[in-house]
Amino acid sequence: RVVPLSTRDPRQLLETQACDLAVGHFPSVLPDLTAKAQ
């Protein structure tokens, strides 16, 4: 089931299990995750 991606930050959708996988351009998410890993 494909649902519209209505945000550039889908972490809340994944947190609440509204979707299993989000696919898109997430310019603010990836730097934040990289910083956490570092």
Full PDB file with SEQRES, HELIX, SHEET, SSBOND, CRYST1, ORIGX, SCALE, CONECT and MASTER records, all heavy atoms in Angstrom:
SEQRES   1 A   38  ARG VAL VAL PRO LEU SER THR ARG ASP PRO ARG GLN LEU          
SEQRES   2 A   38  LEU GLU THR GLN ALA CYS ASP LEU ALA VAL GLY HIS PHE          
SEQRES   3 A   38  PRO SER VAL LEU PRO ASP LEU THR ALA LYS ALA GLN              
HELIX    1 AA1 ARG A   11  GLU A   15  1                                   5    
HELIX    2 AA2 VAL A   29  ALA A   37  1                                   9    
CRYST1    1.000    1.000    1.000  90.00  90.00  90.00 P 1           1          
ORIGX1      1.000000  0.000000  0.000000        0.00000                         
ORIGX2      0.000000  1.000000  0.000000        0.00000                         
ORIGX3      0.000000  0.000000  1.000000        0.00000                         
SCALE1      1.000000  0.000000  0.000000        0.00000                         
SCALE2      0.000000  1.000000  0.000000        0.00000                         
SCALE3      0.000000  0.000000  1.000000        0.00000                         
ATOM      1  N   ARG A   1       0.869  -1.180   0.000  1.00  0.00           N  
ATOM      2  CA  ARG A   1       0.000   0.000   0.000  1.00  0.00           C  
ATOM      3  C   ARG A   1       0.902   1.224   0.000  1.00  0.00           C  
ATOM      4  O   ARG A   1       1.723   1.399   0.901  1.00  0.00           O  
ATOM      5  CB  ARG A   1      -0.918   0.005   1.228  1.00  0.00           C  
ATOM      6  CG  ARG A   1      -1.895   1.170   1.252  1.00  0.00           C  
ATOM      7  CD  ARG A   1      -3.068   0.876   2.176  1.00  0.00           C  
ATOM      8  NE  ARG A   1      -2.652   0.630   3.547  1.00  0.00           N  
ATOM      9  CZ  ARG A   1      -2.580   1.575   4.486  1.00  0.00           C  
ATOM     10  NH1 ARG A   1      -2.906   2.838   4.189  1.00  0.00           N  
ATOM     11  NH2 ARG A   1      -2.209   1.277   5.716  1.00  0.00           N  
ATOM     12  N   VAL A   2       0.767   2.045  -1.027  1.00  0.00           N  
ATOM     13  CA  VAL A   2       1.583   3.252  -1.144  1.00  0.00           C  
ATOM     14  C   VAL A   2       0.751   4.442  -0.685  1.00  0.00           C  
ATOM     15  O   VAL A   2      -0.354   4.666  -1.193  1.00  0.00           O  
ATOM     16  CB  VAL A   2       2.058   3.463  -2.595  1.00  0.00           C  
ATOM     17  CG1 VAL A   2       2.894   4.739  -2.706  1.00  0.00           C  
ATOM     18  CG2 VAL A   2       2.875   2.261  -3.061  1.00  0.00           C  
ATOM     19  N   VAL A   3       1.270   5.200   0.273  1.00  0.00           N  
ATOM     20  CA  VAL A   3       0.572   6.376   0.793  1.00  0.00           C  
ATOM     21  C   VAL A   3       1.388   7.615   0.450  1.00  0.00           C  
ATOM     22  O   VAL A   3       2.615   7.546   0.292  1.00  0.00           O  
ATOM     23  CB  VAL A   3       0.351   6.280   2.318  1.00  0.00           C  
ATOM     24  CG1 VAL A   3      -0.527   5.080   2.654  1.00  0.00           C  
ATOM     25  CG2 VAL A   3       1.683   6.181   3.061  1.00  0.00           C  
ATOM     26  N   PRO A   4       0.728   8.772   0.312  1.00  0.00           N  
ATOM     27  CA  PRO A   4       1.464   9.994  -0.041  1.00  0.00           C  
ATOM     28  C   PRO A   4       2.468  10.385   1.030  1.00  0.00           C  
ATOM     29  O   PRO A   4       2.209  10.253   2.225  1.00  0.00           O  
ATOM     30  CB  PRO A   4       0.345  11.050  -0.157  1.00  0.00           C  
ATOM     31  CG  PRO A   4      -0.917  10.280  -0.328  1.00  0.00           C  
ATOM     32  CD  PRO A   4      -0.715   9.000   0.419  1.00  0.00           C  
ATOM     33  N   LEU A   5       3.610  10.851   0.586  1.00  0.00           N  
ATOM     34  CA  LEU A   5       4.618  11.378   1.504  1.00  0.00           C  
ATOM     35  C   LEU A   5       4.375  12.873   1.636  1.00  0.00           C  
ATOM     36  O   LEU A   5       4.610  13.630   0.696  1.00  0.00           O  
ATOM     37  CB  LEU A   5       6.019  11.098   0.965  1.00  0.00           C  
ATOM     38  CG  LEU A   5       7.188  11.522   1.856  1.00  0.00           C  
ATOM     39  CD1 LEU A   5       7.205  10.707   3.136  1.00  0.00           C  
ATOM     40  CD2 LEU A   5       8.508  11.358   1.111  1.00  0.00           C  
ATOM     41  N   SER A   6       3.908  13.297   2.779  1.00  0.00           N  
ATOM     42  CA  SER A   6       3.493  14.689   2.959  1.00  0.00           C  
ATOM     43  C   SER A   6       4.500  15.504   3.748  1.00  0.00           C  
ATOM     44  O   SER A   6       4.185  16.594   4.227  1.00  0.00           O  
ATOM     45  CB  SER A   6       2.131  14.737   3.662  1.00  0.00           C  
ATOM     46  OG  SER A   6       2.189  14.079   4.918  1.00  0.00           O  
ATOM     47  N   THR A   7       5.716  14.987   3.909  1.00  0.00           N  
ATOM     48  CA  THR A   7       6.713  15.684   4.712  1.00  0.00           C  
ATOM     49  C   THR A   7       8.105  15.309   4.242  1.00  0.00           C  
ATOM     50  O   THR A   7       8.314  14.231   3.668  1.00  0.00           O  
ATOM     51  CB  THR A   7       6.566  15.307   6.203  1.00  0.00           C  
ATOM     52  OG1 THR A   7       7.614  15.909   6.960  1.00  0.00           O  
ATOM     53  CG2 THR A   7       6.609  13.804   6.396  1.00  0.00           C  
ATOM     54  N   ARG A   8       9.074  16.208   4.482  1.00  0.00           N  
ATOM     55  CA  ARG A   8      10.468  15.892   4.218  1.00  0.00           C  
ATOM     56  C   ARG A   8      11.136  15.242   5.428  1.00  0.00           C  
ATOM     57  O   ARG A   8      12.318  14.914   5.373  1.00  0.00           O  
ATOM     58  CB  ARG A   8      11.228  17.171   3.840  1.00  0.00           C  
ATOM     59  CG  ARG A   8      10.860  17.753   2.493  1.00  0.00           C  
ATOM     60  CD  ARG A   8      11.284  16.871   1.360  1.00  0.00           C  
ATOM     61  NE  ARG A   8      11.056  17.484   0.054  1.00  0.00           N  
ATOM     62  CZ  ARG A   8      11.160  16.844  -1.100  1.00  0.00           C  
ATOM     63  NH1 ARG A   8      11.472  15.560  -1.109  1.00  0.00           N  
ATOM     64  NH2 ARG A   8      10.938  17.467  -2.240  1.00  0.00           N  
ATOM     65  N   ASP A   9      10.378  15.058   6.503  1.00  0.00           N  
ATOM     66  CA  ASP A   9      10.902  14.394   7.695  1.00  0.00           C  
ATOM     67  C   ASP A   9       9.876  13.347   8.157  1.00  0.00           C  
ATOM     68  O   ASP A   9       8.989  13.640   8.969  1.00  0.00           O  
ATOM     69  CB  ASP A   9      11.165  15.401   8.810  1.00  0.00           C  
ATOM     70  CG  ASP A   9      11.852  14.762  10.015  1.00  0.00           C  
ATOM     71  OD1 ASP A   9      11.950  13.521  10.063  1.00  0.00           O  
ATOM     72  OD2 ASP A   9      12.285  15.511  10.918  1.00  0.00           O  
ATOM     73  N   PRO A  10       9.984  12.111   7.640  1.00  0.00           N  
ATOM     74  CA  PRO A  10       8.957  11.103   7.926  1.00  0.00           C  
ATOM     75  C   PRO A  10       9.227  10.283   9.193  1.00  0.00           C  
ATOM     76  O   PRO A  10       8.622   9.225   9.369  1.00  0.00           O  
ATOM     77  CB  PRO A  10       9.044  10.214   6.686  1.00  0.00           C  
ATOM     78  CG  PRO A  10      10.492  10.239   6.334  1.00  0.00           C  
ATOM     79  CD  PRO A  10      10.985  11.630   6.689  1.00  0.00           C  
ATOM     80  N   ARG A  11      10.090  10.761  10.070  1.00  0.00           N  
ATOM     81  CA  ARG A  11      10.422   9.957  11.246  1.00  0.00           C  
ATOM     82  C   ARG A  11       9.209   9.686  12.133  1.00  0.00           C  
ATOM     83  O   ARG A  11       9.101   8.606  12.724  1.00  0.00           O  
ATOM     84  CB  ARG A  11      11.543  10.639  12.040  1.00  0.00           C  
ATOM     85  CG  ARG A  11      12.909  10.461  11.388  1.00  0.00           C  
ATOM     86  CD  ARG A  11      14.007  11.192  12.123  1.00  0.00           C  
ATOM     87  NE  ARG A  11      13.943  12.637  11.914  1.00  0.00           N  
ATOM     88  CZ  ARG A  11      14.887  13.481  12.329  1.00  0.00           C  
ATOM     89  NH1 ARG A  11      15.947  13.017  12.982  1.00  0.00           N  
ATOM     90  NH2 ARG A  11      14.780  14.774  12.095  1.00  0.00           N  
ATOM     91  N   GLN A  12       8.309  10.649  12.234  1.00  0.00           N  
ATOM     92  CA  GLN A  12       7.120  10.426  13.049  1.00  0.00           C  
ATOM     93  C   GLN A  12       6.230   9.342  12.441  1.00  0.00           C  
ATOM     94  O   GLN A  12       5.631   8.535  13.166  1.00  0.00           O  
ATOM     95  CB  GLN A  12       6.328  11.733  13.189  1.00  0.00           C  
ATOM     96  CG  GLN A  12       5.120  11.652  14.114  1.00  0.00           C  
ATOM     97  CD  GLN A  12       5.487  11.394  15.573  1.00  0.00           C  
ATOM     98  OE1 GLN A  12       6.621  11.641  15.975  1.00  0.00           O  
ATOM     99  NE2 GLN A  12       4.546  10.901  16.354  1.00  0.00           N  
ATOM    100  N   LEU A  13       6.143   9.299  11.116  1.00  0.00           N  
ATOM    101  CA  LEU A  13       5.365   8.253  10.446  1.00  0.00           C  
ATOM    102  C   LEU A  13       5.933   6.877  10.765  1.00  0.00           C  
ATOM    103  O   LEU A  13       5.186   5.921  11.006  1.00  0.00           O  
ATOM    104  CB  LEU A  13       5.376   8.473   8.930  1.00  0.00           C  
ATOM    105  CG  LEU A  13       4.717   9.736   8.385  1.00  0.00           C  
ATOM    106  CD1 LEU A  13       4.941   9.843   6.882  1.00  0.00           C  
ATOM    107  CD2 LEU A  13       3.234   9.749   8.703  1.00  0.00           C  
ATOM    108  N   LEU A  14       7.253   6.773  10.761  1.00  0.00           N  
ATOM    109  CA  LEU A  14       7.898   5.498  11.057  1.00  0.00           C  
ATOM    110  C   LEU A  14       7.806   5.164  12.540  1.00  0.00           C  
ATOM    111  O   LEU A  14       7.626   4.008  12.917  1.00  0.00           O  
ATOM    112  CB  LEU A  14       9.358   5.551  10.618  1.00  0.00           C  
ATOM    113  CG  LEU A  14       9.576   5.699   9.103  1.00  0.00           C  
ATOM    114  CD1 LEU A  14      10.999   6.147   8.814  1.00  0.00           C  
ATOM    115  CD2 LEU A  14       9.272   4.393   8.393  1.00  0.00           C  
ATOM    116  N   GLU A  15       7.906   6.180  13.387  1.00  0.00           N  
ATOM    117  CA  GLU A  15       7.827   5.973  14.829  1.00  0.00           C  
ATOM    118  C   GLU A  15       6.479   5.404  15.228  1.00  0.00           C  
ATOM    119  O   GLU A  15       6.386   4.500  16.074  1.00  0.00           O  
ATOM    120  CB  GLU A  15       8.068   7.294  15.551  1.00  0.00           C  
ATOM    121  CG  GLU A  15       8.192   7.187  17.051  1.00  0.00           C  
ATOM    122  CD  GLU A  15       9.504   6.547  17.485  1.00  0.00           C  
ATOM    123  OE1 GLU A  15      10.562   7.181  17.321  1.00  0.00           O  
ATOM    124  OE2 GLU A  15       9.437   5.410  17.985  1.00  0.00           O  
ATOM    125  N   THR A  16       5.417   5.909  14.633  1.00  0.00           N  
ATOM    126  CA  THR A  16       4.060   5.471  14.973  1.00  0.00           C  
ATOM    127  C   THR A  16       3.591   4.317  14.104  1.00  0.00           C  
ATOM    128  O   THR A  16       2.434   3.918  14.185  1.00  0.00           O  
ATOM    129  CB  THR A  16       3.071   6.638  14.830  1.00  0.00           C  
ATOM    130  OG1 THR A  16       3.089   7.124  13.476  1.00  0.00           O  
ATOM    131  CG2 THR A  16       3.438   7.776  15.778  1.00  0.00           C  
ATOM    132  N   GLN A  17       4.481   3.800  13.254  1.00  0.00           N  
ATOM    133  CA  GLN A  17       4.189   2.667  12.376  1.00  0.00           C  
ATOM    134  C   GLN A  17       3.078   2.973  11.384  1.00  0.00           C  
ATOM    135  O   GLN A  17       2.337   2.075  10.968  1.00  0.00           O  
ATOM    136  CB  GLN A  17       3.865   1.418  13.199  1.00  0.00           C  
ATOM    137  CG  GLN A  17       5.034   0.946  14.053  1.00  0.00           C  
ATOM    138  CD  GLN A  17       4.775  -0.362  14.774  1.00  0.00           C  
ATOM    139  OE1 GLN A  17       3.671  -0.583  15.283  1.00  0.00           O  
ATOM    140  NE2 GLN A  17       5.781  -1.208  14.837  1.00  0.00           N  
ATOM    141  N   ALA A  18       2.965   4.251  10.996  1.00  0.00           N  
ATOM    142  CA  ALA A  18       2.032   4.610   9.932  1.00  0.00           C  
ATOM    143  C   ALA A  18       2.526   4.098   8.592  1.00  0.00           C  
ATOM    144  O   ALA A  18       1.743   3.956   7.649  1.00  0.00           O  
ATOM    145  CB  ALA A  18       1.837   6.124   9.880  1.00  0.00           C  
ATOM    146  N   CYS A  19       3.822   3.835   8.488  1.00  0.00           N  
ATOM    147  CA  CYS A  19       4.377   3.209   7.292  1.00  0.00           C  
ATOM    148  C   CYS A  19       5.570   2.354   7.704  1.00  0.00           C  
ATOM    149  O   CYS A  19       6.155   2.547   8.775  1.00  0.00           O  
ATOM    150  CB  CYS A  19       4.778   4.252   6.246  1.00  0.00           C  
ATOM    151  SG  CYS A  19       6.186   5.287   6.708  1.00  0.00           S  
ATOM    152  N   ASP A  20       5.912   1.406   6.859  1.00  0.00           N  
ATOM    153  CA  ASP A  20       7.038   0.527   7.122  1.00  0.00           C  
ATOM    154  C   ASP A  20       8.335   1.078   6.565  1.00  0.00           C  
ATOM    155  O   ASP A  20       9.419   0.820   7.105  1.00  0.00           O  
ATOM    156  CB  ASP A  20       6.779  -0.857   6.503  1.00  0.00           C  
ATOM    157  CG  ASP A  20       5.559  -1.528   7.092  1.00  0.00           C  
ATOM    158  OD1 ASP A  20       5.595  -1.859   8.299  1.00  0.00           O  
ATOM    159  OD2 ASP A  20       4.569  -1.722   6.361  1.00  0.00           O  
ATOM    160  N   LEU A  21       8.223   1.832   5.468  1.00  0.00           N  
ATOM    161  CA  LEU A  21       9.406   2.353   4.790  1.00  0.00           C  
ATOM    162  C   LEU A  21       9.022   3.662   4.118  1.00  0.00           C  
ATOM    163  O   LEU A  21       7.976   3.757   3.473  1.00  0.00           O  
ATOM    164  CB  LEU A  21       9.891   1.351   3.742  1.00  0.00           C  
ATOM    165  CG  LEU A  21      11.259   1.598   3.096  1.00  0.00           C  
ATOM    166  CD1 LEU A  21      12.372   1.365   4.108  1.00  0.00           C  
ATOM    167  CD2 LEU A  21      11.444   0.681   1.889  1.00  0.00           C  
ATOM    168  N   ALA A  22       9.864   4.675   4.288  1.00  0.00           N  
ATOM    169  CA  ALA A  22       9.657   5.960   3.619  1.00  0.00           C  
ATOM    170  C   ALA A  22      10.745   6.125   2.575  1.00  0.00           C  
ATOM    171  O   ALA A  22      11.919   5.823   2.832  1.00  0.00           O  
ATOM    172  CB  ALA A  22       9.698   7.110   4.616  1.00  0.00           C  
ATOM    173  N   VAL A  23      10.370   6.592   1.395  1.00  0.00           N  
ATOM    174  CA  VAL A  23      11.325   6.771   0.299  1.00  0.00           C  
ATOM    175  C   VAL A  23      11.202   8.194  -0.217  1.00  0.00           C  
ATOM    176  O   VAL A  23      10.105   8.634  -0.580  1.00  0.00           O  
ATOM    177  CB  VAL A  23      11.066   5.771  -0.839  1.00  0.00           C  
ATOM    178  CG1 VAL A  23      12.072   5.984  -1.975  1.00  0.00           C  
ATOM    179  CG2 VAL A  23      11.134   4.338  -0.334  1.00  0.00           C  
ATOM    180  N   GLY A  24      12.322   8.919  -0.226  1.00  0.00           N  
ATOM    181  CA  GLY A  24      12.261  10.296  -0.706  1.00  0.00           C  
ATOM    182  C   GLY A  24      13.545  11.053  -0.438  1.00  0.00           C  
ATOM    183  O   GLY A  24      14.584  10.474  -0.097  1.00  0.00           O  
ATOM    184  N   HIS A  25      13.448  12.362  -0.584  1.00  0.00           N  
ATOM    185  CA  HIS A  25      14.571  13.282  -0.336  1.00  0.00           C  
ATOM    186  C   HIS A  25      14.375  13.889   1.045  1.00  0.00           C  
ATOM    187  O   HIS A  25      13.411  14.626   1.269  1.00  0.00           O  
ATOM    188  CB  HIS A  25      14.581  14.360  -1.419  1.00  0.00           C  
ATOM    189  CG  HIS A  25      15.635  15.404  -1.233  1.00  0.00           C  
ATOM    190  ND1 HIS A  25      16.953  15.091  -0.980  1.00  0.00           N  
ATOM    191  CD2 HIS A  25      15.565  16.771  -1.266  1.00  0.00           C  
ATOM    192  CE1 HIS A  25      17.651  16.204  -0.868  1.00  0.00           C  
ATOM    193  NE2 HIS A  25      16.842  17.235  -1.031  1.00  0.00           N  
ATOM    194  N   PHE A  26      15.282  13.559   1.986  1.00  0.00           N  
ATOM    195  CA  PHE A  26      15.137  13.969   3.375  1.00  0.00           C  
ATOM    196  C   PHE A  26      16.362  14.786   3.794  1.00  0.00           C  
ATOM    197  O   PHE A  26      17.230  14.292   4.543  1.00  0.00           O  
ATOM    198  CB  PHE A  26      14.965  12.747   4.269  1.00  0.00           C  
ATOM    199  CG  PHE A  26      13.912  11.779   3.792  1.00  0.00           C  
ATOM    200  CD1 PHE A  26      14.212  10.433   3.607  1.00  0.00           C  
ATOM    201  CD2 PHE A  26      12.629  12.215   3.510  1.00  0.00           C  
ATOM    202  CE1 PHE A  26      13.242   9.543   3.167  1.00  0.00           C  
ATOM    203  CE2 PHE A  26      11.653  11.338   3.063  1.00  0.00           C  
ATOM    204  CZ  PHE A  26      11.961   9.993   2.890  1.00  0.00           C  
ATOM    205  N   PRO A  27      16.455  16.034   3.335  1.00  0.00           N  
ATOM    206  CA  PRO A  27      17.687  16.813   3.519  1.00  0.00           C  
ATOM    207  C   PRO A  27      18.050  17.130   4.962  1.00  0.00           C  
ATOM    208  O   PRO A  27      19.228  17.312   5.278  1.00  0.00           O  
ATOM    209  CB  PRO A  27      17.411  18.093   2.724  1.00  0.00           C  
ATOM    210  CG  PRO A  27      15.918  18.194   2.648  1.00  0.00           C  
ATOM    211  CD  PRO A  27      15.429  16.774   2.577  1.00  0.00           C  
ATOM    212  N   SER A  28      17.071  17.204   5.862  1.00  0.00           N  
ATOM    213  CA  SER A  28      17.390  17.528   7.252  1.00  0.00           C  
ATOM    214  C   SER A  28      17.564  16.295   8.119  1.00  0.00           C  
ATOM    215  O   SER A  28      18.170  16.357   9.193  1.00  0.00           O  
ATOM    216  CB  SER A  28      16.285  18.418   7.851  1.00  0.00           C  
ATOM    217  OG  SER A  28      15.054  17.712   7.903  1.00  0.00           O  
ATOM    218  N   VAL A  29      17.037  15.162   7.666  1.00  0.00           N  
ATOM    219  CA  VAL A  29      17.060  13.951   8.485  1.00  0.00           C  
ATOM    220  C   VAL A  29      18.436  13.297   8.478  1.00  0.00           C  
ATOM    221  O   VAL A  29      18.984  12.952   9.531  1.00  0.00           O  
ATOM    222  CB  VAL A  29      15.999  12.950   7.998  1.00  0.00           C  
ATOM    223  CG1 VAL A  29      16.080  11.654   8.801  1.00  0.00           C  
ATOM    224  CG2 VAL A  29      14.607  13.555   8.109  1.00  0.00           C  
ATOM    225  N   LEU A  30      19.006  13.122   7.293  1.00  0.00           N  
ATOM    226  CA  LEU A  30      20.247  12.360   7.188  1.00  0.00           C  
ATOM    227  C   LEU A  30      21.420  13.026   7.909  1.00  0.00           C  
ATOM    228  O   LEU A  30      22.192  12.332   8.589  1.00  0.00           O  
ATOM    229  CB  LEU A  30      20.583  12.101   5.726  1.00  0.00           C  
ATOM    230  CG  LEU A  30      19.482  11.371   4.913  1.00  0.00           C  
ATOM    231  CD1 LEU A  30      20.056  10.863   3.605  1.00  0.00           C  
ATOM    232  CD2 LEU A  30      18.875  10.228   5.707  1.00  0.00           C  
ATOM    233  N   PRO A  31      21.606  14.352   7.807  1.00  0.00           N  
ATOM    234  CA  PRO A  31      22.686  14.970   8.590  1.00  0.00           C  
ATOM    235  C   PRO A  31      22.497  14.778  10.090  1.00  0.00           C  
ATOM    236  O   PRO A  31      23.480  14.592  10.829  1.00  0.00           O  
ATOM    237  CB  PRO A  31      22.595  16.458   8.195  1.00  0.00           C  
ATOM    238  CG  PRO A  31      21.963  16.455   6.847  1.00  0.00           C  
ATOM    239  CD  PRO A  31      20.984  15.322   6.884  1.00  0.00           C  
ATOM    240  N   ASP A  32      21.250  14.815  10.552  1.00  0.00           N  
ATOM    241  CA  ASP A  32      20.981  14.610  11.979  1.00  0.00           C  
ATOM    242  C   ASP A  32      21.361  13.200  12.401  1.00  0.00           C  
ATOM    243  O   ASP A  32      21.979  12.999  13.460  1.00  0.00           O  
ATOM    244  CB  ASP A  32      19.497  14.881  12.252  1.00  0.00           C  
ATOM    245  CG  ASP A  32      19.157  14.766  13.728  1.00  0.00           C  
ATOM    246  OD1 ASP A  32      19.887  15.343  14.550  1.00  0.00           O  
ATOM    247  OD2 ASP A  32      18.163  14.086  14.061  1.00  0.00           O  
ATOM    248  N   LEU A  33      21.010  12.197  11.579  1.00  0.00           N  
ATOM    249  CA  LEU A  33      21.357  10.817  11.903  1.00  0.00           C  
ATOM    250  C   LEU A  33      22.872  10.609  11.858  1.00  0.00           C  
ATOM    251  O   LEU A  33      23.440   9.911  12.704  1.00  0.00           O  
ATOM    252  CB  LEU A  33      20.662   9.863  10.921  1.00  0.00           C  
ATOM    253  CG  LEU A  33      19.135   9.817  10.981  1.00  0.00           C  
ATOM    254  CD1 LEU A  33      18.593   8.855   9.943  1.00  0.00           C  
ATOM    255  CD2 LEU A  33      18.645   9.432  12.370  1.00  0.00           C  
ATOM    256  N   THR A  34      23.518  11.213  10.874  1.00  0.00           N  
ATOM    257  CA  THR A  34      24.971  11.087  10.761  1.00  0.00           C  
ATOM    258  C   THR A  34      25.664  11.692  11.980  1.00  0.00           C  
ATOM    259  O   THR A  34      26.624  11.123  12.515  1.00  0.00           O  
ATOM    260  CB  THR A  34      25.467  11.773   9.478  1.00  0.00           C  
ATOM    261  OG1 THR A  34      24.825  11.177   8.338  1.00  0.00           O  
ATOM    262  CG2 THR A  34      26.973  11.638   9.338  1.00  0.00           C  
ATOM    263  N   ALA A  35      25.168  12.843  12.436  1.00  0.00           N  
ATOM    264  CA  ALA A  35      25.742  13.480  13.619  1.00  0.00           C  
ATOM    265  C   ALA A  35      25.573  12.605  14.848  1.00  0.00           C  
ATOM    266  O   ALA A  35      26.490  12.493  15.680  1.00  0.00           O  
ATOM    267  CB  ALA A  35      25.092  14.846  13.838  1.00  0.00           C  
ATOM    268  N   LYS A  36      24.416  11.969  14.992  1.00  0.00           N  
ATOM    269  CA  LYS A  36      24.190  11.067  16.131  1.00  0.00           C  
ATOM    270  C   LYS A  36      25.171   9.904  16.093  1.00  0.00           C  
ATOM    271  O   LYS A  36      25.739   9.499  17.129  1.00  0.00           O  
ATOM    272  CB  LYS A  36      22.748  10.552  16.112  1.00  0.00           C  
ATOM    273  CG  LYS A  36      21.713  11.537  16.625  1.00  0.00           C  
ATOM    274  CD  LYS A  36      20.329  10.898  16.624  1.00  0.00           C  
ATOM    275  CE  LYS A  36      19.309  11.741  17.390  1.00  0.00           C  
ATOM    276  NZ  LYS A  36      19.144  13.086  16.876  1.00  0.00           N  
ATOM    277  N   ALA A  37      25.387   9.349  14.906  1.00  0.00           N  
ATOM    278  CA  ALA A  37      26.307   8.217  14.778  1.00  0.00           C  
ATOM    279  C   ALA A  37      27.724   8.640  15.133  1.00  0.00           C  
ATOM    280  O   ALA A  37      28.453   7.909  15.818  1.00  0.00           O  
ATOM    281  CB  ALA A  37      26.245   7.668  13.359  1.00  0.00           C  
ATOM    282  N   GLN A  38      28.136   9.816  14.684  1.00  0.00           N  
ATOM    283  CA  GLN A  38      29.484  10.295  14.969  1.00  0.00           C  
ATOM    284  C   GLN A  38      29.686  10.574  16.451  1.00  0.00           C  
ATOM    285  O   GLN A  38      30.810  10.476  16.955  1.00  0.00           O  
ATOM    286  CB  GLN A  38      29.763  11.550  14.152  1.00  0.00           C  
ATOM    287  CG  GLN A  38      29.858  11.285  12.649  1.00  0.00           C  
ATOM    288  CD  GLN A  38      29.995  12.552  11.837  1.00  0.00           C  
ATOM    289  OE1 GLN A  38      29.711  13.658  12.315  1.00  0.00           O  
ATOM    290  NE2 GLN A  38      30.405  12.406  10.573  1.00  0.00           N  
TER     291      GLN A  38                                                      
MASTER        0    0    0    2    0    0    0    6  290    1    0    3          
END                                                                             
